[in-house]
Amino acid sequence: MKLTLIEKLLGALLIITIVMTIVIPFIPNLFLHLV
């Protein structure tokens, strides 16, 4: 199965969205630990 460029971009966007929803809640905690 050869993915088209658009399908790759959509897949990347989906992964970024999922990662962000997981990571964003932890960012304030990380800043608190750094400061």
N, C-alpha and C. Protein backbone atom coordinates (compact mmCIF):
# COMPACT_ATOMS: atom_id res chain seq x y z
N MET A 1 0.83 -1.22 0.00
CA MET A 1 0.00 0.00 0.00
C MET A 1 0.86 1.25 0.00
N LYS A 2 0.74 2.03 -1.06
CA LYS A 2 1.52 3.27 -1.15
C LYS A 2 0.64 4.44 -0.70
N LEU A 3 1.12 5.14 0.31
CA LEU A 3 0.35 6.29 0.81
C LEU A 3 0.62 7.52 -0.04
N THR A 4 -0.41 8.28 -0.29
CA THR A 4 -0.23 9.54 -1.00
C THR A 4 0.27 10.59 -0.01
N LEU A 5 0.77 11.69 -0.54
CA LEU A 5 1.30 12.75 0.31
C LEU A 5 0.22 13.28 1.25
N ILE A 6 -1.00 13.43 0.74
CA ILE A 6 -2.10 13.96 1.56
C ILE A 6 -2.40 13.01 2.72
N GLU A 7 -2.41 11.70 2.43
CA GLU A 7 -2.67 10.72 3.48
C GLU A 7 -1.58 10.77 4.55
N LYS A 8 -0.33 10.94 4.12
CA LYS A 8 0.78 11.06 5.08
C LYS A 8 0.60 12.29 5.96
N LEU A 9 0.23 13.42 5.35
CA LEU A 9 0.03 14.66 6.10
C LEU A 9 -1.11 14.50 7.10
N LEU A 10 -2.21 13.87 6.67
CA LEU A 10 -3.35 13.66 7.56
C LEU A 10 -2.95 12.75 8.72
N GLY A 11 -2.19 11.72 8.43
CA GLY A 11 -1.72 10.82 9.48
C GLY A 11 -0.82 11.55 10.46
N ALA A 12 0.08 12.38 9.95
CA ALA A 12 0.96 13.16 10.82
C ALA A 12 0.15 14.11 11.70
N LEU A 13 -0.84 14.78 11.11
CA LEU A 13 -1.69 15.69 11.87
C LEU A 13 -2.43 14.96 12.98
N LEU A 14 -2.94 13.77 12.66
CA LEU A 14 -3.66 12.97 13.65
C LEU A 14 -2.75 12.60 14.81
N ILE A 15 -1.53 12.16 14.49
CA ILE A 15 -0.57 11.78 15.52
C ILE A 15 -0.21 12.99 16.38
N ILE A 16 0.05 14.14 15.75
CA ILE A 16 0.39 15.36 16.49
C ILE A 16 -0.75 15.75 17.42
N THR A 17 -1.98 15.66 16.93
CA THR A 17 -3.14 16.02 17.76
C THR A 17 -3.24 15.11 18.98
N ILE A 18 -3.06 13.81 18.78
CA ILE A 18 -3.13 12.85 19.89
C ILE A 18 -2.01 13.12 20.89
N VAL A 19 -0.79 13.33 20.38
CA VAL A 19 0.35 13.59 21.26
C VAL A 19 0.11 14.86 22.07
N MET A 20 -0.39 15.91 21.41
CA MET A 20 -0.64 17.17 22.11
C MET A 20 -1.68 17.02 23.21
N THR A 21 -2.75 16.27 22.94
CA THR A 21 -3.78 16.09 23.97
C THR A 21 -3.22 15.36 25.17
N ILE A 22 -2.22 14.50 24.95
CA ILE A 22 -1.61 13.78 26.07
C ILE A 22 -0.58 14.66 26.77
N VAL A 23 0.22 15.41 26.01
CA VAL A 23 1.35 16.16 26.56
C VAL A 23 0.94 17.46 27.24
N ILE A 24 0.00 18.21 26.64
CA ILE A 24 -0.36 19.54 27.15
C ILE A 24 -0.72 19.57 28.63
N PRO A 25 -1.51 18.63 29.16
CA PRO A 25 -1.82 18.67 30.60
C PRO A 25 -0.57 18.56 31.48
N PHE A 26 0.50 17.95 30.98
CA PHE A 26 1.71 17.76 31.78
C PHE A 26 2.64 18.96 31.74
N ILE A 27 2.50 19.84 30.74
CA ILE A 27 3.43 20.96 30.56
C ILE A 27 3.49 21.87 31.79
N PRO A 28 2.36 22.30 32.38
CA PRO A 28 2.45 23.16 33.58
C PRO A 28 3.20 22.48 34.72
N ASN A 29 2.99 21.18 34.90
CA ASN A 29 3.70 20.45 35.94
C ASN A 29 5.21 20.46 35.68
N LEU A 30 5.61 20.29 34.42
CA LEU A 30 7.03 20.30 34.08
C LEU A 30 7.64 21.67 34.40
N PHE A 31 6.92 22.74 34.06
CA PHE A 31 7.42 24.08 34.35
C PHE A 31 7.55 24.30 35.84
N LEU A 32 6.59 23.80 36.62
CA LEU A 32 6.65 23.95 38.08
C LEU A 32 7.87 23.23 38.63
N HIS A 33 8.18 22.06 38.08
CA HIS A 33 9.35 21.31 38.56
C HIS A 33 10.65 22.02 38.16
N LEU A 34 10.67 22.63 36.97
CA LEU A 34 11.87 23.33 36.52
C LEU A 34 12.11 24.59 37.33
N VAL A 35 11.03 25.29 37.68
CA VAL A 35 11.15 26.53 38.46
C VAL A 35 11.17 26.16 39.94
